[in-house]
Protein backbone atom coordinates (compact mmCIF):
# COMPACT_ATOMS: atom_id res chain seq x y z
CA MET A 1 137.54 87.61 85.91
CA THR A 2 134.55 89.38 87.42
CA THR A 3 134.84 91.41 90.57
CA ALA A 4 132.17 91.18 93.27
CA PRO A 5 130.35 94.46 93.92
CA GLU A 6 131.60 96.36 96.92
CA ALA A 7 129.38 97.04 99.90
CA PRO A 8 128.09 100.60 100.12
CA ALA A 9 130.09 102.96 102.30
CA THR A 10 126.97 103.75 104.29
CA TYR A 11 123.41 102.54 104.36
CA ARG A 12 120.27 104.62 104.64
CA LEU A 13 117.42 103.78 106.99
CA ILE A 14 113.94 103.62 105.48
CA ASP A 15 112.03 105.49 108.16
CA GLY A 16 108.56 103.97 108.22
CA LYS A 17 107.60 105.89 111.33
CA GLN A 18 108.18 109.29 109.70
CA THR A 19 106.66 108.19 106.39
CA ALA A 20 103.55 106.95 108.20
CA GLU A 21 103.34 110.28 110.02
CA ASP A 22 103.50 112.12 106.68
CA ILE A 23 100.61 110.00 105.38
CA LYS A 24 98.58 110.68 108.52
CA VAL A 25 99.07 114.43 108.04
CA GLU A 26 97.76 114.09 104.48
CA ILE A 27 94.76 112.03 105.62
CA ALA A 28 93.98 114.45 108.48
CA ALA A 29 93.94 117.37 106.04
CA GLU A 30 91.46 115.58 103.78
CA VAL A 31 89.27 114.57 106.74
CA ALA A 32 89.21 118.21 107.90
CA GLN A 33 88.10 119.27 104.41
CA ARG A 34 85.33 116.65 104.41
CA LYS A 35 84.16 117.79 107.82
CA ALA A 36 84.15 121.46 106.75
CA ALA A 37 82.09 120.52 103.70
CA GLY A 38 79.52 118.72 105.88
CA GLN A 39 80.55 115.28 104.66
CA LYS A 40 80.68 112.18 106.85
CA VAL A 41 83.82 111.63 108.94
CA PRO A 42 85.29 108.14 108.25
CA HIS A 43 84.54 105.57 110.95
CA LEU A 44 86.80 102.57 111.58
CA ALA A 45 85.80 99.70 113.88
CA ALA A 46 87.98 96.90 115.26
CA ILE A 47 87.07 93.59 116.84
CA LEU A 48 89.61 92.23 119.32
CA VAL A 49 89.20 88.69 120.63
CA GLY A 50 91.22 87.60 123.67
CA HIS A 51 94.26 89.23 125.25
CA ASP A 52 97.21 88.55 122.94
CA GLY A 53 99.89 91.10 123.86
CA GLY A 54 100.87 91.95 120.31
CA SER A 55 97.25 92.32 119.20
CA GLU A 56 96.45 94.52 122.21
CA THR A 57 99.29 96.88 121.32
CA TYR A 58 98.43 96.92 117.63
CA VAL A 59 94.75 97.66 118.16
CA ARG A 60 95.54 100.36 120.72
CA ASN A 61 97.82 102.01 118.17
CA LYS A 62 95.04 101.86 115.58
CA VAL A 63 92.64 103.65 117.92
CA LEU A 64 95.23 106.35 118.63
CA ALA A 65 95.89 106.71 114.89
CA CYS A 66 92.17 107.26 114.28
CA GLU A 67 92.17 110.08 116.82
CA ARG A 68 95.28 111.52 115.17
CA VAL A 69 93.63 111.87 111.74
CA GLY A 70 90.14 112.82 112.93
CA PHE A 71 88.39 109.48 112.30
CA GLU A 72 85.68 108.10 114.52
CA SER A 73 86.61 104.71 115.94
CA THR A 74 84.94 101.84 117.76
CA LEU A 75 86.72 99.03 119.60
CA LEU A 76 84.74 95.89 120.36
CA ARG A 77 86.43 93.50 122.81
CA TYR A 78 85.50 89.88 123.43
CA GLU A 79 86.96 87.07 125.52
CA ASP A 80 88.60 84.22 123.63
CA SER A 81 85.69 82.03 124.74
CA ILE A 82 83.42 83.73 122.18
CA THR A 83 81.93 81.17 119.78
CA GLU A 84 82.43 81.29 116.05
CA ALA A 85 78.69 81.85 115.57
CA GLU A 86 78.71 84.80 117.98
CA LEU A 87 81.69 86.39 116.22
CA LEU A 88 80.13 85.94 112.79
CA ALA A 89 76.92 87.53 114.07
CA LYS A 90 78.93 90.58 115.22
CA VAL A 91 80.65 90.78 111.84
CA GLU A 92 77.27 90.80 110.11
CA GLU A 93 76.06 93.51 112.46
CA LEU A 94 78.99 95.73 111.44
CA ASN A 95 78.37 94.87 107.79
CA ARG A 96 74.87 96.33 108.12
CA ASP A 97 75.84 99.38 110.20
CA GLU A 98 75.80 102.31 107.78
CA GLN A 99 77.85 104.44 110.20
CA ILE A 100 80.82 102.06 109.97
CA ASP A 101 82.87 102.65 106.82
CA GLY A 102 85.36 99.88 107.45
CA PHE A 103 86.30 97.37 110.10
CA ILE A 104 88.89 94.77 110.94
CA VAL A 105 88.85 91.55 112.92
CA GLN A 106 92.27 91.45 114.59
CA LEU A 107 94.24 88.29 113.91
CA PRO A 108 95.18 85.77 115.17
CA LEU A 109 91.88 84.37 116.36
CA PRO A 110 91.43 81.50 118.85
CA LYS A 111 91.94 78.05 117.34
CA HIS A 112 88.26 77.11 117.61
CA ILE A 113 87.32 79.88 115.15
CA ASP A 114 87.79 79.42 111.39
CA THR A 115 89.80 82.48 110.37
CA ASN A 116 88.97 82.13 106.67
CA LYS A 117 85.26 81.94 107.42
CA VAL A 118 85.49 85.20 109.37
CA ILE A 119 87.52 86.95 106.64
CA GLU A 120 84.99 85.91 103.99
CA ALA A 121 82.11 87.14 106.16
CA VAL A 122 83.35 90.75 106.03
CA ARG A 123 81.76 92.65 103.16
CA PRO A 124 84.45 93.52 100.57
CA GLU A 125 83.59 97.23 100.64
CA LYS A 126 84.27 97.33 104.40
CA ASP A 127 87.31 95.03 104.29
CA VAL A 128 89.93 97.67 105.09
CA ASP A 129 92.49 94.98 105.96
CA GLY A 130 92.29 93.94 102.31
CA PHE A 131 92.03 90.22 103.12
CA HIS A 132 88.70 89.33 101.46
CA PRO A 133 89.00 87.07 98.39
CA MET A 134 87.16 89.72 96.37
CA ASN A 135 89.80 92.35 97.14
CA ILE A 136 92.66 89.89 96.60
CA GLY A 137 91.13 88.83 93.27
CA ARG A 138 90.69 92.43 92.13
CA MET A 139 94.30 93.14 93.08
CA VAL A 140 95.52 90.18 91.01
CA ALA A 141 93.36 91.28 88.05
CA GLY A 142 94.70 94.83 88.25
CA LEU A 143 91.33 96.30 89.22
CA PRO A 144 90.79 98.94 91.93
CA ALA A 145 90.79 97.21 95.31
CA LEU A 146 91.24 97.74 99.02
CA LEU A 147 94.80 96.42 99.15
CA PRO A 148 96.30 94.42 102.03
CA ALA A 149 97.73 97.01 104.40
CA THR A 150 101.24 95.67 105.00
CA PRO A 151 102.08 94.85 101.35
CA SER A 152 100.75 98.20 100.15
CA GLY A 153 102.75 99.88 102.93
CA ILE A 154 105.92 98.24 101.64
CA VAL A 155 105.21 99.47 98.11
CA GLU A 156 104.49 102.95 99.44
CA LEU A 157 107.85 103.05 101.21
CA LEU A 158 109.61 102.15 97.97
CA ARG A 159 107.63 104.87 96.19
CA ARG A 160 108.31 107.63 98.70
CA TYR A 161 112.01 106.82 98.87
CA GLU A 162 112.08 106.85 95.05
CA LEU A 163 113.78 103.46 94.92
CA VAL A 164 114.03 101.99 91.44
CA THR A 165 112.09 98.74 91.08
CA ASP A 166 111.70 98.54 87.30
CA GLY A 167 113.56 95.47 86.04
CA LYS A 168 114.99 94.67 89.47
CA HIS A 169 115.06 91.20 91.00
CA CYS A 170 113.01 91.05 94.18
CA VAL A 171 113.16 88.01 96.45
CA VAL A 172 110.30 87.64 98.91
CA ILE A 173 110.90 85.20 101.78
CA GLY A 174 107.57 83.94 103.12
CA ARG A 175 104.37 83.14 101.23
CA SER A 176 101.62 84.09 103.68
CA ASN A 177 98.32 85.37 102.31
CA ILE A 178 98.72 88.48 104.47
CA VAL A 179 102.18 89.67 103.34
CA GLY A 180 104.42 87.47 101.21
CA THR A 181 102.08 86.42 98.40
CA PRO A 182 100.33 89.79 97.92
CA VAL A 183 103.56 91.83 98.00
CA SER A 184 105.04 89.50 95.38
CA ILE A 185 102.01 90.19 93.17
CA LEU A 186 102.12 93.96 93.68
CA LEU A 187 105.84 94.24 92.90
CA ALA A 188 105.46 92.16 89.72
CA LYS A 189 102.63 94.37 88.41
CA ASN A 190 103.15 96.82 85.57
CA LEU A 191 102.98 99.69 88.03
CA GLU A 192 105.28 102.24 89.60
CA PRO A 193 106.75 100.97 91.89
CA GLY A 194 106.59 97.55 90.27
CA ASN A 195 107.84 95.74 87.19
CA CYS A 196 110.12 93.58 89.33
CA THR A 197 111.11 90.05 88.48
CA VAL A 198 109.91 88.36 91.65
CA THR A 199 111.05 85.12 93.25
CA LEU A 200 108.77 83.94 96.06
CA CYS A 201 110.64 81.70 98.51
CA HIS A 202 109.28 79.61 101.36
CA SER A 203 110.05 76.75 103.73
CA ARG A 204 110.53 74.24 100.88
CA THR A 205 112.83 76.46 98.84
CA GLN A 206 116.23 74.86 98.18
CA ASN A 207 119.48 76.85 98.10
CA LEU A 208 117.73 79.87 99.61
CA ALA A 209 120.91 81.86 100.30
CA GLU A 210 122.02 81.44 96.69
CA ILE A 211 118.71 82.92 95.54
CA THR A 212 118.65 85.83 97.99
CA ARG A 213 122.20 86.79 97.02
CA THR A 214 120.92 87.53 93.51
CA ALA A 215 118.28 89.96 94.78
CA ASP A 216 118.32 93.72 94.32
CA ILE A 217 115.44 93.88 96.82
CA VAL A 218 114.90 91.43 99.67
CA VAL A 219 111.56 91.32 101.51
CA ALA A 220 111.80 89.17 104.65
CA ALA A 221 108.35 88.14 105.89
CA LEU A 222 108.62 84.74 107.52
CA GLY A 223 108.36 85.50 111.25
CA ARG A 224 111.75 84.07 112.32
CA PRO A 225 113.90 86.58 114.22
CA GLY A 226 117.34 87.20 112.75
CA PHE A 227 116.85 84.66 109.96
CA VAL A 228 118.40 86.76 107.18
CA THR A 229 122.15 87.06 107.74
CA ALA A 230 124.91 88.94 105.94
CA ASP A 231 125.89 85.97 103.76
CA MET A 232 122.36 85.96 102.27
CA VAL A 233 122.47 89.52 100.93
CA GLN A 234 124.44 90.99 98.07
CA PRO A 235 126.18 94.36 98.56
CA GLY A 236 123.92 97.30 97.80
CA ALA A 237 120.63 95.44 98.19
CA VAL A 238 117.47 97.11 99.48
CA VAL A 239 116.29 95.14 102.52
CA ILE A 240 112.69 95.28 103.76
CA ASP A 241 112.17 93.58 107.13
CA VAL A 242 108.53 92.73 107.87
CA GLY A 243 109.21 90.66 110.99
CA THR A 244 107.97 91.79 114.41
CA THR A 245 108.52 88.98 116.90
CA ARG A 246 108.62 89.52 120.65
CA VAL A 247 111.87 88.12 122.03
CA GLU A 248 112.76 87.91 125.73
CA ASP A 249 115.16 90.69 126.71
CA ALA A 250 115.97 91.21 130.38
CA THR A 251 117.54 94.62 129.61
CA LYS A 252 114.14 96.01 128.60
CA LYS A 253 111.59 97.29 131.07
CA ALA A 254 108.85 95.20 129.45
CA GLY A 255 111.07 92.11 129.55
CA TRP A 256 110.97 91.71 125.78
CA ALA A 257 112.07 93.45 122.59
CA LEU A 258 110.75 93.45 119.04
CA LYS A 259 113.04 91.66 116.61
CA GLY A 260 112.83 91.54 112.85
CA ASP A 261 113.48 88.68 110.45
CA VAL A 262 116.77 90.34 109.47
CA ASN A 263 119.94 90.32 111.59
CA PHE A 264 120.20 94.10 111.37
CA GLU A 265 123.73 94.48 112.76
CA GLU A 266 125.12 92.04 110.21
CA VAL A 267 123.06 92.99 107.17
CA ALA A 268 122.81 96.79 107.41
CA PRO A 269 126.47 97.47 106.49
CA LYS A 270 125.95 95.56 103.22
CA ALA A 271 122.63 97.20 102.33
CA SER A 272 121.99 100.44 100.46
CA TYR A 273 118.62 100.91 102.18
CA ILE A 274 117.11 98.94 105.06
CA THR A 275 114.04 99.14 107.29
CA PRO A 276 114.58 99.02 111.08
CA VAL A 277 112.49 97.06 113.56
CA PRO A 278 110.67 98.70 115.16
CA GLY A 279 109.98 101.83 113.12
CA GLY A 280 110.01 100.37 109.63
CA VAL A 281 107.14 98.48 108.03
CA GLY A 282 104.99 98.31 111.19
CA PRO A 283 103.86 101.97 111.30
CA MET A 284 103.09 101.83 107.57
CA THR A 285 100.59 99.04 108.10
CA ILE A 286 98.43 101.28 110.29
CA ALA A 287 98.83 104.24 107.92
CA MET A 288 97.62 102.17 104.96
CA LEU A 289 94.72 100.84 107.05
CA LEU A 290 93.66 104.45 107.62
CA LEU A 291 94.03 105.18 103.92
CA ASN A 292 91.85 102.18 103.06
CA THR A 293 89.21 103.44 105.51
CA LEU A 294 89.23 106.87 103.86
CA ARG A 295 88.91 105.26 100.42
CA ALA A 296 86.03 103.12 101.68
CA ALA A 297 84.26 106.17 103.09
CA LYS A 298 84.66 107.97 99.75
CA GLY A 299 83.42 104.95 97.78
CA GLU A 300 86.54 104.96 95.61
CA VAL A 301 86.57 101.19 95.03
CA TYR A 302 82.97 100.19 95.70
CA PRO A 303 80.44 103.00 95.06
CA ARG A 304 78.47 103.90 98.18
């Protein structure tokens, strides 16, 4: 008779906030060296359409992060009444601006604008979000690429916490082009971290809990607060929570709180390592965006 593995006595938080700060310190040091050598300071631009609360906060944090590491930054704001043609014209203007090393168009966009058309309009060498089909294709082929920021941030957390991925079973819940699909590809690659056997689950997956209970690493990226519960996780699993949904909370000054896709109170006691929300994957996304901008400025992927 086999005995089920026991839950760990304690779990360890994967501190994305501190890890992101460490990366920013490293980037700032390199930017200072470039400046001292008379080289161009990286310049990141962001386009924000409308007044979505989450997007406003995220873009504001990006601007502050640029200041923190010594980047130049530009924020271009437009009302959600902007036409698709007008937005594409602005994207092309940034494509041609030699002072801009990389830029992002903050998602989501208004429904009357084709998001894929906008993503494809960004030149791959300035696509610091890592969403362009060229960068995704290069990632899949194992070629140098500007990687999607959130998936690469997840991999970087695993690397810096020296968590073993080789030969492990990783279950990714959620198949979005922004997180789920690319992180499944990165963790399956013959890289370090990597070499996982990956199962990519989604809304049509049957017997989901049975699958997640076999996982050494669970990545929850479906955008449903508290979806992953204790009965879905095996003792000792590493749990990465990508979710950041605003949920009404009268006890908070803002009237809302950020909730992850994992029921933290239930799952944490069974996990060996787990990311909190907030303070887990979120800060890493901005750190990796900065790193992509630095790489773009240096011409590491696409020669300048």
